[in-house]
Amino acid sequence: MRPSVGIIGAGKVGCTLARLLAEAGYAIGAVYSRTDETARRLAQQVESVAVTDIAAMVAQADLLLVTVSDDAIESVSVELSTYDLTGKGVVHTSGVHDAHSLKAAAEMGAMIGSLHPAFPFADCEQATHNLPGATFAVEAEALQLRQWLLEIVAALQGQPLLLQAEDKALYHAALVLVSNYSVTLYAAAEKLLLDMGADRKAADEALSTLLEATAANIRQQGIPKALTGPLVRDDSGTLAAHIHALRQTDDTLAQTYLYLARLSLPLLTARDLPTAAIERLLEEI
């Protein structure tokens, strides 16, 4: 039997999950948020009720999804711990924190865990449309809770990634490298083009096309075959030209480029591509 779901925190993640779970047939028992109007708005969208205290939330839901900011998780857990939580599931959606952030709730009988969607939540509308099919990191020791979470992932057409508590920080770091720092690298590349006088629209068109094609190559070809460019061609002259030009413009960016080149060497080795010339250049530099 599916659990009734309570949403604690009506921000982008809470809004998205509540809407999608309601569409998948889950009963949203109640919505609670520090802003009453936000809670009421979401409750109307999912045919639920907005509550103004945690006690009402505990009474109306079997599985409490704590979709608040990372820093607020423990305080919510402490607030929940003033009630009997026997048989309830309390799960947060943080990528970096493990279920121990909810230990106060566990002391009152709750099954605790975490459910993290590996997805960039820019806004609720975009996420509601695009989240189905994403990967969800699932952490739960209690078999009943793990089953509930796996059923939720399946209902959202997602892919589960089962984690232990000690895995969470490295798991989240991996996601940040690909998602957040892709934006940072894009911004650095865009600045290089704009500083040389390129039109922003033309610069973004060039970079966006490359980024989308790279993501498609990774999906279709996998690692390491998706890697292209001067490293794959053993073109040390091009690499040297890049580093020289970057040093004239931004030494920090030049050092970043060098480090990324070194991180790429194992991909060349995995493809049985020559690396001697590139390695000599990197050692010299």
Protein backbone atom coordinates (compact mmCIF):
# COMPACT_ATOMS: atom_id res chain seq x y z
CA MET A 1 0.00 0.00 0.00
CA ARG A 2 1.34 3.41 -0.94
CA PRO A 3 2.11 5.81 1.91
CA SER A 4 0.43 9.19 2.12
CA VAL A 5 3.08 11.86 1.60
CA GLY A 6 3.67 15.05 3.55
CA ILE A 7 5.76 17.87 2.08
CA ILE A 8 7.81 19.96 4.52
CA GLY A 9 9.16 22.86 2.48
CA ALA A 10 7.31 24.19 -0.56
CA GLY A 11 10.31 25.44 -2.51
CA LYS A 12 11.41 24.23 -5.95
CA VAL A 13 12.18 20.65 -4.90
CA GLY A 14 9.10 20.26 -2.70
CA CYS A 15 6.84 21.81 -5.34
CA THR A 16 8.19 19.54 -8.08
CA LEU A 17 7.99 16.32 -6.09
CA ALA A 18 4.53 17.09 -4.72
CA ARG A 19 3.13 17.82 -8.18
CA LEU A 20 4.69 14.77 -9.80
CA LEU A 21 3.72 12.42 -6.98
CA ALA A 22 0.15 13.69 -7.08
CA GLU A 23 0.08 13.10 -10.84
CA ALA A 24 1.39 9.56 -10.21
CA GLY A 25 -1.52 8.84 -7.87
CA TYR A 26 0.06 9.47 -4.47
CA ALA A 27 -2.08 11.14 -1.82
CA ILE A 28 -0.39 14.32 -0.61
CA GLY A 29 -1.59 14.36 2.99
CA ALA A 30 -0.43 17.87 3.82
CA VAL A 31 1.94 20.67 2.86
CA TYR A 32 3.91 22.67 5.42
CA SER A 33 6.21 25.60 4.73
CA ARG A 34 7.61 28.54 6.65
CA THR A 35 5.62 30.78 4.26
CA ASP A 36 1.90 30.08 4.65
CA GLU A 37 0.98 31.46 1.22
CA THR A 38 3.53 29.21 -0.53
CA ALA A 39 2.14 26.18 1.31
CA ARG A 40 -1.45 27.10 0.43
CA ARG A 41 -0.61 27.58 -3.24
CA LEU A 42 1.11 24.20 -3.52
CA ALA A 43 -1.63 22.46 -1.51
CA GLN A 44 -4.24 23.73 -3.98
CA GLN A 45 -2.23 22.40 -6.92
CA VAL A 46 -2.02 18.88 -5.46
CA GLU A 47 -5.49 18.72 -3.88
CA SER A 48 -4.07 18.71 -0.37
CA VAL A 49 -4.25 20.92 2.70
CA ALA A 50 -1.77 23.46 3.97
CA VAL A 51 -0.99 23.08 7.66
CA THR A 52 0.60 25.62 9.95
CA ASP A 53 2.23 23.29 12.47
CA ILE A 54 4.26 20.09 12.36
CA ALA A 55 1.77 18.21 14.56
CA ALA A 56 -0.86 18.35 11.82
CA MET A 57 1.70 17.16 9.28
CA VAL A 58 2.61 14.14 11.42
CA ALA A 59 -1.06 13.24 11.84
CA GLN A 60 -1.86 13.33 8.11
CA ALA A 61 1.13 11.67 6.40
CA ASP A 62 2.99 8.36 6.55
CA LEU A 63 6.07 9.56 4.69
CA LEU A 64 7.39 13.03 5.43
CA LEU A 65 9.59 14.53 2.70
CA VAL A 66 11.82 17.22 4.20
CA THR A 67 12.53 19.40 1.16
CA VAL A 68 14.11 22.35 2.98
CA SER A 69 17.59 23.85 2.65
CA ASP A 70 20.46 21.70 3.89
CA ASP A 71 21.07 23.94 6.90
CA ALA A 72 17.46 23.60 8.04
CA ILE A 73 17.24 19.79 8.00
CA GLU A 74 18.42 19.17 11.55
CA SER A 75 16.15 21.84 13.01
CA VAL A 76 13.14 20.28 11.24
CA SER A 77 14.18 16.89 12.61
CA VAL A 78 14.35 18.31 16.14
CA GLU A 79 10.91 19.87 15.70
CA LEU A 80 9.52 16.53 14.51
CA SER A 81 11.10 14.74 17.47
CA THR A 82 8.53 16.18 19.87
CA TYR A 83 5.99 13.70 18.44
CA ASP A 84 5.66 9.92 18.29
CA LEU A 85 6.97 8.97 14.83
CA THR A 86 6.69 5.19 15.13
CA GLY A 87 6.03 3.70 11.70
CA LYS A 88 6.56 7.04 9.94
CA GLY A 89 9.19 7.66 7.30
CA VAL A 90 11.17 10.90 7.47
CA VAL A 91 13.33 11.55 4.41
CA HIS A 92 15.30 14.60 3.33
CA THR A 93 16.30 15.50 -0.22
CA SER A 94 19.82 16.82 0.35
CA GLY A 95 22.52 15.57 -1.98
CA VAL A 96 25.45 15.92 0.42
CA HIS A 97 23.96 15.08 3.84
CA ASP A 98 23.17 11.53 4.85
CA ALA A 99 20.22 10.31 6.89
CA HIS A 100 22.00 10.96 10.20
CA SER A 101 20.88 14.58 9.86
CA LEU A 102 17.48 13.22 10.90
CA LYS A 103 18.70 11.31 13.98
CA ALA A 104 16.42 13.29 16.33
CA ALA A 105 13.40 11.99 14.40
CA ALA A 106 14.84 8.47 14.46
CA GLU A 107 15.00 8.62 18.27
CA MET A 108 11.21 9.03 18.22
CA GLY A 109 10.70 5.89 16.14
CA ALA A 110 10.92 7.25 12.59
CA MET A 111 12.49 5.34 9.72
CA ILE A 112 14.97 7.84 8.27
CA GLY A 113 16.60 8.16 4.88
CA SER A 114 17.39 10.46 1.99
CA LEU A 115 16.11 10.75 -1.56
CA HIS A 116 18.11 13.05 -3.82
CA PRO A 117 17.09 13.78 -7.41
CA ALA A 118 20.23 14.16 -9.56
CA PHE A 119 18.72 17.10 -11.40
CA PRO A 120 19.24 20.90 -11.58
CA PHE A 121 16.13 22.59 -10.18
CA ALA A 122 16.05 25.94 -11.96
CA ASP A 123 12.32 26.42 -11.35
CA CYS A 124 9.27 24.30 -10.51
CA GLU A 125 7.65 24.42 -13.95
CA GLN A 126 10.79 23.35 -15.81
CA ALA A 127 11.62 20.67 -13.26
CA THR A 128 8.08 19.24 -13.26
CA HIS A 129 8.34 18.78 -17.01
CA ASN A 130 11.89 17.39 -17.12
CA LEU A 131 12.49 15.52 -13.85
CA PRO A 132 10.73 12.24 -14.84
CA GLY A 133 13.40 9.78 -15.94
CA ALA A 134 16.15 11.30 -13.78
CA THR A 135 18.37 9.33 -11.40
CA PHE A 136 17.49 9.41 -7.68
CA ALA A 137 20.02 8.59 -4.97
CA VAL A 138 18.25 6.40 -2.39
CA GLU A 139 19.57 5.94 1.15
CA ALA A 140 17.50 4.00 3.68
CA GLU A 141 18.40 1.21 6.10
CA ALA A 142 14.83 0.22 6.97
CA LEU A 143 13.48 -2.19 4.36
CA GLN A 144 9.97 -0.69 4.47
CA LEU A 145 11.29 2.82 3.86
CA ARG A 146 13.65 1.67 1.10
CA GLN A 147 10.72 -0.03 -0.62
CA TRP A 148 8.62 3.13 -0.37
CA LEU A 149 11.42 5.22 -1.89
CA LEU A 150 12.11 2.75 -4.69
CA GLU A 151 8.41 2.73 -5.54
CA ILE A 152 8.46 6.54 -5.70
CA VAL A 153 11.43 6.48 -8.06
CA ALA A 154 9.63 3.96 -10.26
CA ALA A 155 6.45 6.08 -10.23
CA LEU A 156 8.53 9.03 -11.46
CA GLN A 157 10.04 6.86 -14.23
CA GLY A 158 13.42 7.38 -12.59
CA GLN A 159 16.54 5.31 -12.11
CA PRO A 160 17.51 4.44 -8.51
CA LEU A 161 21.08 4.72 -7.26
CA LEU A 162 21.38 2.95 -3.90
CA LEU A 163 23.89 4.61 -1.55
CA GLN A 164 25.27 4.11 1.93
CA ALA A 165 25.58 7.04 4.32
CA GLU A 166 29.33 7.28 3.82
CA ASP A 167 28.86 7.65 0.04
CA LYS A 168 26.83 10.86 0.10
CA ALA A 169 29.59 13.52 0.10
CA LEU A 170 31.53 11.96 -2.80
CA TYR A 171 28.29 11.28 -4.67
CA HIS A 172 27.29 14.93 -4.41
CA ALA A 173 30.79 16.14 -5.32
CA ALA A 174 30.55 14.10 -8.53
CA LEU A 175 27.28 15.80 -9.44
CA VAL A 176 28.66 19.26 -8.68
CA LEU A 177 31.66 18.64 -10.93
CA VAL A 178 29.40 17.86 -13.89
CA SER A 179 26.50 20.23 -13.27
CA ASN A 180 27.67 23.30 -11.37
CA TYR A 181 31.21 23.53 -12.69
CA SER A 182 30.10 23.00 -16.27
CA VAL A 183 28.37 26.36 -15.81
CA THR A 184 31.60 27.83 -14.40
CA LEU A 185 33.66 26.54 -17.35
CA TYR A 186 31.01 27.78 -19.78
CA ALA A 187 31.13 31.25 -18.18
CA ALA A 188 34.94 31.31 -18.45
CA ALA A 189 34.82 30.27 -22.11
CA GLU A 190 32.09 32.81 -22.85
CA LYS A 191 34.19 35.59 -21.27
CA LEU A 192 37.17 34.68 -23.45
CA LEU A 193 35.02 35.04 -26.57
CA LEU A 194 33.31 38.24 -25.43
CA ASP A 195 36.62 39.84 -24.45
CA MET A 196 37.89 39.36 -27.99
CA GLY A 197 34.85 41.19 -29.34
CA ALA A 198 32.49 38.33 -30.17
CA ASP A 199 28.77 38.98 -30.20
CA ARG A 200 27.14 37.35 -27.16
CA LYS A 201 24.50 35.59 -29.25
CA ALA A 202 27.14 34.13 -31.56
CA ALA A 203 29.34 33.13 -28.60
CA ASP A 204 26.49 31.41 -26.78
CA GLU A 205 25.34 29.66 -29.93
CA ALA A 206 28.82 28.23 -30.47
CA LEU A 207 29.29 27.14 -26.86
CA SER A 208 25.77 25.79 -26.34
CA THR A 209 26.02 23.73 -29.52
CA LEU A 210 29.33 22.26 -28.33
CA LEU A 211 27.96 21.52 -24.86
CA GLU A 212 24.83 19.82 -26.18
CA ALA A 213 26.82 17.79 -28.70
CA THR A 214 29.27 16.72 -25.99
CA ALA A 215 26.42 15.56 -23.74
CA ALA A 216 24.98 13.62 -26.70
CA ASN A 217 28.38 12.04 -27.40
CA ILE A 218 28.67 10.92 -23.77
CA ARG A 219 25.23 9.31 -23.96
CA GLN A 220 25.86 7.65 -27.30
CA GLN A 221 29.58 6.83 -27.18
CA GLY A 222 30.25 6.65 -23.46
CA ILE A 223 33.56 7.24 -21.69
CA PRO A 224 36.32 7.40 -22.90
CA LYS A 225 35.18 7.53 -26.55
CA ALA A 226 33.26 10.78 -26.12
CA LEU A 227 36.48 12.75 -25.57
CA THR A 228 37.53 14.73 -28.66
CA GLY A 229 39.98 17.56 -29.41
CA PRO A 230 43.74 18.11 -29.43
CA LEU A 231 44.50 15.57 -26.70
CA VAL A 232 42.87 12.80 -28.72
CA ARG A 233 44.81 13.92 -31.82
CA ASP A 234 48.12 13.99 -29.87
CA ASP A 235 48.41 17.63 -30.93
CA SER A 236 50.89 19.01 -28.41
CA GLY A 237 51.46 22.13 -30.55
CA THR A 238 47.82 23.13 -30.19
CA LEU A 239 47.93 22.45 -26.46
CA ALA A 240 51.03 24.66 -26.10
CA ALA A 241 49.35 27.46 -28.08
CA HIS A 242 46.27 27.29 -25.86
CA ILE A 243 48.32 27.49 -22.66
CA HIS A 244 50.45 30.36 -23.97
CA ALA A 245 47.35 32.35 -24.98
CA LEU A 246 45.59 31.68 -21.69
CA ARG A 247 48.63 32.75 -19.66
CA GLN A 248 48.55 36.11 -21.41
CA THR A 249 44.91 36.51 -20.40
CA ASP A 250 44.21 34.68 -17.13
CA ASP A 251 46.87 32.62 -15.39
CA THR A 252 44.34 30.95 -13.10
CA LEU A 253 42.40 29.77 -16.13
CA ALA A 254 45.66 28.56 -17.72
CA GLN A 255 46.40 26.48 -14.62
CA THR A 256 42.85 25.08 -14.68
CA TYR A 257 43.29 24.13 -18.35
CA LEU A 258 46.56 22.36 -17.51
CA TYR A 259 45.00 20.43 -14.63
CA LEU A 260 42.09 19.35 -16.79
CA ALA A 261 44.53 18.15 -19.43
CA ARG A 262 46.32 16.03 -16.83
CA LEU A 263 42.99 14.61 -15.62
CA SER A 264 42.22 13.65 -19.22
CA LEU A 265 45.35 11.52 -19.73
CA PRO A 266 43.81 8.28 -18.34
CA LEU A 267 41.04 8.60 -20.94
CA LEU A 268 43.68 8.59 -23.68
CA THR A 269 45.36 5.55 -22.17
CA ALA A 270 42.04 3.73 -22.02
CA ARG A 271 41.69 4.26 -25.78
CA ASP A 272 45.27 3.12 -26.49
CA LEU A 273 46.10 6.59 -27.82
CA PRO A 274 49.65 8.00 -27.66
CA THR A 275 50.33 10.32 -24.73
CA ALA A 276 54.14 10.72 -24.73
CA ALA A 277 54.25 14.09 -26.50
CA ILE A 278 51.43 15.52 -24.39
CA GLU A 279 53.01 14.25 -21.17
CA ARG A 280 56.38 15.76 -22.08
CA LEU A 281 54.74 19.11 -22.75
CA LEU A 282 52.85 19.04 -19.45
CA GLU A 283 56.04 18.16 -17.55
CA GLU A 284 57.93 21.00 -19.24
CA ILE A 285 55.21 23.49 -18.44
